[in-house]
Amino acid sequence: MLTIKENVPLAELSTFEIGGKARYFVSVKTEEDIKEALGWAREHGHRFIVMAGGSNVVVPDEGLDALIIKISGVNFSIIDSTIEIDAGCVLLHVIKAAADEGLGGWEKLAGIPGTVGGAVRGNAGAFGNEIKDVITWVRAINTKTGEGHEFANPECEFAYRMSYFKKNPEWIITRVHISLQKTDAIESQRLITETIKERERRHIQDVRAAGSYFINPVAPTDIREMYEKEKKAQSREGRVPAGWLIEKAGLKGRRVGGAEASMQHPNYIVNTGNATASDVRRLAELIKRIVKEKFGVELQEEAVVWK
């Protein structure tokens, strides 16, 4: 029997550390738990919102009149060069555990905040690597029908920061199967350490933020050429970094209330200590407007703004 809690503060469950309370809250570990929680929401006439690690989301200041279903399963098993992982596992924890067993190939994802399920939903990536590169299949449950299905990698329809599950939110990811490469454990651990150090150098590790706030946009030819000439780097898929555009627009360090476009990585909107969700949304709208005016590029949020 699940325990449905009332008036649960969500700020402490969010990497932004912003937002009000959930009217109802439940932690689930299994598909049966999920089905029970969904049944409770239907029976009592409440909408539900699925929460994983609390990264990549902005919780409204006034809270949410809904049942928050937090995915909390944290079991994983390693067999040969594969890992089967509960969606609620913290991504960094599993990457480190795999390294200890001499399995690698995804070390560049180390330090991305959040859970494995959240990373799969948004096809998380960093330093040229994406989680889709190591996924064999993803198991998910349909909130409308209750059916479960194992999606082979091609069925997941992975694209840049996108997946079938993000496009079809009625599917909740419950378990993920990863295939890795045999590697030297010490070398794998070194790569993880170097990756996290690089994230810390860029000030994108252990900060009160949702992760990258905007998706790197596809840019017009002249903007791509400007980026490539300045950075001496090739744009990927016609995209340029949102952080570079924000900096070029003169918005690095711009603040609205307690929210700031980070001086180290301006695509991170940071809670400097007393930011509200309203501050974050207003700063995001300001950034979008000015980048559009200066470069003709429409920024789109990667962070999910709950309402």
Protein backbone atom coordinates (compact mmCIF):
# COMPACT_ATOMS: atom_id res chain seq x y z
CA MET A 1 0.00 0.00 0.00
CA LEU A 2 1.45 3.34 -1.08
CA THR A 3 1.63 6.31 1.27
CA ILE A 4 0.18 9.46 -0.28
CA LYS A 5 1.59 12.52 1.46
CA GLU A 6 0.10 16.00 1.46
CA ASN A 7 1.67 19.47 1.13
CA VAL A 8 5.19 18.22 0.42
CA PRO A 9 7.84 20.93 -0.28
CA LEU A 10 9.33 20.40 -3.73
CA ALA A 11 12.19 22.93 -3.62
CA GLU A 12 14.36 20.55 -1.62
CA LEU A 13 13.74 17.83 -4.23
CA SER A 14 14.78 20.10 -7.12
CA THR A 15 18.34 20.91 -8.18
CA PHE A 16 17.13 24.51 -8.64
CA GLU A 17 15.98 24.56 -4.98
CA ILE A 18 13.02 26.66 -6.10
CA GLY A 19 9.26 26.23 -5.91
CA GLY A 20 6.28 25.58 -3.68
CA LYS A 21 4.56 22.47 -2.36
CA ALA A 22 2.89 19.53 -4.00
CA ARG A 23 -0.68 19.07 -2.83
CA TYR A 24 -0.10 15.32 -2.99
CA PHE A 25 3.12 13.34 -3.30
CA VAL A 26 4.04 9.68 -3.60
CA SER A 27 7.31 7.81 -4.11
CA VAL A 28 7.17 4.75 -6.38
CA LYS A 29 9.71 2.02 -7.05
CA THR A 30 7.96 -0.56 -9.24
CA GLU A 31 5.52 -0.65 -12.13
CA GLU A 32 2.87 -1.92 -9.74
CA ASP A 33 3.52 1.13 -7.54
CA ILE A 34 3.08 3.36 -10.57
CA LYS A 35 -0.21 1.70 -11.51
CA GLU A 36 -1.47 2.09 -7.94
CA ALA A 37 -0.51 5.77 -7.87
CA LEU A 38 -2.22 6.39 -11.22
CA GLY A 39 -5.32 4.61 -9.97
CA TRP A 40 -5.38 6.81 -6.87
CA ALA A 41 -5.12 9.96 -9.00
CA ARG A 42 -7.98 8.82 -11.24
CA GLU A 43 -10.14 7.76 -8.32
CA HIS A 44 -9.72 11.13 -6.57
CA GLY A 45 -9.92 13.25 -9.72
CA HIS A 46 -6.41 14.71 -9.55
CA ARG A 47 -3.93 15.27 -12.32
CA PHE A 48 -0.48 13.77 -11.89
CA ILE A 49 3.04 14.85 -12.73
CA VAL A 50 5.99 12.46 -12.91
CA MET A 51 9.22 13.53 -11.22
CA ALA A 52 12.60 11.85 -11.36
CA GLY A 53 15.78 13.41 -9.95
CA GLY A 54 14.44 16.96 -9.83
CA SER A 55 16.90 18.31 -12.39
CA ASN A 56 15.79 20.00 -15.59
CA VAL A 57 12.55 21.27 -14.02
CA VAL A 58 11.23 24.58 -12.73
CA VAL A 59 8.62 24.20 -9.97
CA PRO A 60 6.16 27.12 -9.73
CA ASP A 61 6.33 29.33 -6.64
CA GLU A 62 2.69 28.64 -5.80
CA GLY A 63 3.26 24.88 -5.86
CA LEU A 64 1.28 22.27 -7.78
CA ASP A 65 -2.31 21.19 -7.28
CA ALA A 66 -1.52 17.66 -8.42
CA LEU A 67 -0.19 14.27 -7.36
CA ILE A 68 3.58 14.26 -7.85
CA ILE A 69 4.74 10.73 -8.63
CA LYS A 70 8.45 10.46 -7.86
CA ILE A 71 10.29 7.60 -9.58
CA SER A 72 12.52 6.19 -6.84
CA GLY A 73 13.62 2.70 -7.93
CA VAL A 74 17.42 2.51 -7.57
CA ASN A 75 18.32 -1.12 -8.29
CA PHE A 76 20.70 -2.16 -11.05
CA SER A 77 22.45 -5.36 -12.06
CA ILE A 78 25.62 -5.90 -14.07
CA ILE A 79 25.93 -8.99 -16.27
CA ASP A 80 29.01 -9.31 -18.49
CA SER A 81 29.18 -5.96 -20.36
CA THR A 82 25.54 -4.95 -19.82
CA ILE A 83 23.66 -3.16 -17.06
CA GLU A 84 19.94 -3.24 -16.38
CA ILE A 85 19.00 -0.13 -14.40
CA ASP A 86 15.95 1.21 -12.58
CA ALA A 87 14.95 4.59 -13.99
CA GLY A 88 15.34 6.26 -10.59
CA CYS A 89 19.08 5.52 -10.31
CA VAL A 90 21.35 8.57 -10.28
CA LEU A 91 23.26 8.56 -13.57
CA LEU A 92 26.66 9.41 -12.07
CA HIS A 93 26.34 6.65 -9.46
CA VAL A 94 25.80 3.99 -12.14
CA ILE A 95 28.61 5.33 -14.36
CA LYS A 96 31.01 5.04 -11.41
CA ALA A 97 29.75 1.57 -10.49
CA ALA A 98 30.27 0.41 -14.08
CA ALA A 99 33.82 1.81 -14.07
CA ASP A 100 34.59 -0.19 -10.93
CA GLU A 101 33.64 -3.31 -12.91
CA GLY A 102 35.81 -2.33 -15.89
CA LEU A 103 32.95 -1.15 -18.07
CA GLY A 104 32.98 2.15 -19.90
CA GLY A 105 32.17 4.09 -23.03
CA TRP A 106 29.88 6.63 -21.40
CA GLU A 107 32.27 8.41 -19.03
CA LYS A 108 31.71 11.79 -20.75
CA LEU A 109 28.16 11.73 -19.36
CA ALA A 110 29.53 11.79 -15.81
CA GLY A 111 28.24 14.72 -13.79
CA ILE A 112 25.08 15.32 -15.81
CA PRO A 113 22.55 15.90 -13.03
CA GLY A 114 19.56 13.64 -12.54
CA THR A 115 18.50 10.06 -13.01
CA VAL A 116 18.96 7.48 -15.73
CA GLY A 117 15.29 7.72 -16.70
CA GLY A 118 15.46 11.48 -17.03
CA ALA A 119 18.65 11.22 -19.06
CA VAL A 120 17.00 8.77 -21.46
CA ARG A 121 13.85 10.87 -21.81
CA GLY A 122 15.88 13.91 -22.86
CA ASN A 123 18.70 11.96 -24.58
CA ALA A 124 21.17 13.69 -22.29
CA GLY A 125 24.60 14.41 -23.68
CA ALA A 126 27.87 16.18 -23.01
CA PHE A 127 31.22 16.64 -24.73
CA GLY A 128 30.00 14.99 -27.92
CA ASN A 129 28.47 11.89 -26.30
CA GLU A 130 24.77 11.05 -25.81
CA ILE A 131 23.11 8.37 -23.73
CA LYS A 132 21.43 6.93 -26.84
CA ASP A 133 24.86 5.62 -27.88
CA VAL A 134 24.85 2.96 -25.14
CA ILE A 135 21.16 2.02 -24.88
CA THR A 136 19.94 -1.43 -25.97
CA TRP A 137 16.31 -1.10 -24.85
CA VAL A 138 14.06 0.95 -22.59
CA ARG A 139 11.08 -0.39 -20.67
CA ALA A 140 8.16 1.97 -20.08
CA ILE A 141 4.57 1.85 -18.87
CA ASN A 142 1.67 3.61 -20.56
CA THR A 143 -0.27 5.74 -18.07
CA LYS A 144 -3.45 5.53 -20.11
CA THR A 145 -3.63 1.79 -20.69
CA GLY A 146 -1.33 0.37 -18.00
CA GLU A 147 0.54 -1.69 -20.59
CA GLY A 148 4.29 -2.15 -20.40
CA HIS A 149 6.58 -2.32 -23.41
CA GLU A 150 10.29 -2.75 -24.08
CA PHE A 151 11.40 -0.26 -26.73
CA ALA A 152 14.44 -1.27 -28.77
CA ASN A 153 16.88 1.58 -29.38
CA PRO A 154 15.43 2.52 -32.82
CA GLU A 155 11.89 2.60 -31.36
CA CYS A 156 13.04 5.23 -28.86
CA GLU A 157 13.36 7.72 -31.75
CA PHE A 158 16.36 9.44 -30.22
CA ALA A 159 17.35 12.84 -31.58
CA TYR A 160 19.14 15.85 -30.17
CA ARG A 161 17.78 16.19 -26.58
CA MET A 162 14.70 14.31 -27.71
CA SER A 163 13.13 10.85 -27.54
CA TYR A 164 9.85 9.07 -28.16
CA PHE A 165 9.13 9.37 -24.43
CA LYS A 166 9.54 13.13 -24.41
CA LYS A 167 7.21 13.42 -27.40
CA ASN A 168 4.75 10.97 -25.86
CA PRO A 169 4.65 11.77 -22.11
CA GLU A 170 1.97 9.17 -21.43
CA TRP A 171 4.87 6.68 -21.32
CA ILE A 172 6.82 6.52 -18.04
CA ILE A 173 10.30 5.01 -18.25
CA THR A 174 10.80 2.33 -15.60
CA ARG A 175 13.95 0.42 -16.60
CA VAL A 176 16.86 0.85 -18.98
CA HIS A 177 19.27 -1.68 -20.51
CA ILE A 178 22.76 -0.40 -21.30
CA SER A 179 25.54 -2.08 -23.29
CA LEU A 180 29.09 -0.95 -22.50
CA GLN A 181 32.67 -1.69 -23.51
CA LYS A 182 35.21 -3.64 -21.53
CA THR A 183 37.80 -1.17 -20.34
CA ASP A 184 40.53 -0.68 -17.77
CA ALA A 185 38.86 0.30 -14.49
CA ILE A 186 41.56 2.81 -13.56
CA GLU A 187 41.41 4.48 -16.99
CA SER A 188 37.62 4.65 -16.83
CA GLN A 189 37.74 6.23 -13.37
CA ARG A 190 40.33 8.74 -14.63
CA LEU A 191 38.04 9.76 -17.50
CA ILE A 192 35.15 10.24 -15.06
CA THR A 193 37.31 12.40 -12.80
CA GLU A 194 38.55 14.51 -15.73
CA THR A 195 35.00 14.98 -17.03
CA ILE A 196 33.73 16.18 -13.66
CA LYS A 197 36.73 18.50 -13.29
CA GLU A 198 35.93 20.02 -16.68
CA ARG A 199 32.32 20.54 -15.62
CA GLU A 200 33.54 22.19 -12.41
CA ARG A 201 35.89 24.41 -14.43
CA ARG A 202 32.89 25.54 -16.44
CA HIS A 203 30.93 26.05 -13.21
CA ILE A 204 28.25 23.55 -14.20
CA GLN A 205 28.72 21.10 -11.36
CA ASP A 206 26.96 21.26 -7.99
CA VAL A 207 25.18 24.55 -8.66
CA ARG A 208 21.55 25.44 -7.98
CA ALA A 209 20.32 25.15 -11.55
CA ALA A 210 18.22 22.95 -13.79
CA GLY A 211 21.15 22.02 -16.02
CA SER A 212 21.39 23.61 -19.47
CA TYR A 213 18.31 25.83 -19.64
CA PHE A 214 18.06 26.12 -23.42
CA ILE A 215 18.59 23.61 -26.21
CA ASN A 216 21.47 24.44 -28.55
CA PRO A 217 19.59 25.86 -31.55
CA VAL A 218 19.92 25.29 -35.26
CA ALA A 219 21.31 28.60 -36.51
CA PRO A 220 21.38 30.44 -39.86
CA THR A 221 24.50 30.00 -41.99
CA ASP A 222 26.01 33.38 -41.10
CA ILE A 223 25.66 32.69 -37.36
CA ARG A 224 27.21 29.23 -37.73
CA GLU A 225 30.12 30.69 -39.70
CA MET A 226 30.63 33.36 -37.05
CA TYR A 227 30.73 30.67 -34.35
CA GLU A 228 33.10 28.41 -36.28
CA LYS A 229 35.49 31.27 -37.06
CA GLU A 230 35.52 32.54 -33.50
CA LYS A 231 35.74 29.16 -31.74
CA LYS A 232 37.68 27.31 -34.45
CA ALA A 233 35.22 24.45 -34.02
CA GLN A 234 32.74 22.79 -36.34
CA SER A 235 29.07 23.21 -35.49
CA ARG A 236 27.22 19.92 -34.97
CA GLU A 237 24.03 19.31 -36.94
CA GLY A 238 23.92 22.99 -37.83
CA ARG A 239 23.63 23.95 -34.17
CA VAL A 240 25.55 26.52 -32.14
CA PRO A 241 25.80 26.57 -28.33
CA ALA A 242 23.00 28.49 -26.66
CA GLY A 243 25.53 29.71 -24.08
CA TRP A 244 27.67 31.26 -26.81
CA LEU A 245 24.65 33.13 -28.22
CA ILE A 246 23.68 34.35 -24.75
CA GLU A 247 27.21 35.61 -24.15
CA LYS A 248 27.42 37.27 -27.59
CA ALA A 249 24.14 39.01 -26.80
CA GLY A 250 25.79 40.58 -23.74
CA LEU A 251 23.69 38.62 -21.28
CA LYS A 252 26.37 36.73 -19.36
CA GLY A 253 25.82 37.57 -15.70
CA ARG A 254 22.43 39.20 -16.35
CA ARG A 255 20.15 38.95 -13.33
CA VAL A 256 16.47 39.13 -12.65
CA GLY A 257 15.86 38.99 -8.92
CA GLY A 258 17.87 36.07 -7.59
CA ALA A 259 18.24 34.33 -10.98
CA GLU A 260 21.44 34.80 -12.98
CA ALA A 261 22.75 33.71 -16.37
CA SER A 262 25.95 32.19 -15.00
CA MET A 263 29.16 34.10 -15.57
CA GLN A 264 30.96 30.79 -16.21
CA HIS A 265 28.33 29.12 -18.38
CA PRO A 266 25.52 31.51 -19.34
CA ASN A 267 23.21 28.71 -20.53
CA TYR A 268 22.94 27.80 -16.87
CA ILE A 269 20.36 29.98 -15.15
CA VAL A 270 21.48 29.81 -11.54
CA ASN A 271 19.63 30.36 -8.29
CA THR A 272 22.04 32.71 -6.52
CA GLY A 273 20.30 32.11 -3.19
CA ASN A 274 16.85 33.63 -3.17
CA ALA A 275 15.57 33.18 -6.72
CA THR A 276 11.93 32.43 -7.39
CA ALA A 277 10.45 30.51 -10.29
CA SER A 278 9.07 33.86 -11.49
CA ASP A 279 12.62 35.29 -11.56
CA VAL A 280 13.80 32.33 -13.62
CA ARG A 281 10.95 32.58 -16.12
CA ARG A 282 11.37 36.35 -16.52
CA LEU A 283 15.12 36.02 -17.09
CA ALA A 284 14.54 33.22 -19.59
CA GLU A 285 12.04 35.36 -21.54
CA LEU A 286 14.48 38.27 -21.54
CA ILE A 287 17.25 36.06 -22.92
CA LYS A 288 14.98 34.61 -25.61
CA ARG A 289 13.83 38.06 -26.71
CA ILE A 290 17.29 39.61 -26.97
CA VAL A 291 18.88 36.60 -28.70
CA LYS A 292 16.02 36.63 -31.21
CA GLU A 293 16.48 40.37 -31.82
CA LYS A 294 20.25 40.16 -32.27
CA PHE A 295 20.66 36.87 -34.14
CA GLY A 296 17.25 35.88 -35.45
CA VAL A 297 17.52 32.64 -33.49
CA GLU A 298 14.63 31.27 -31.43
CA LEU A 299 15.83 29.66 -28.22
CA GLN A 300 13.75 26.81 -26.83
CA GLU A 301 13.76 25.64 -23.25
CA GLU A 302 15.38 22.33 -22.42
CA ALA A 303 14.21 22.79 -18.83
CA VAL A 304 10.58 21.84 -18.21
CA VAL A 305 8.57 24.64 -16.65
CA TRP A 306 5.81 23.01 -14.62
CA LYS A 307 2.45 24.76 -14.32
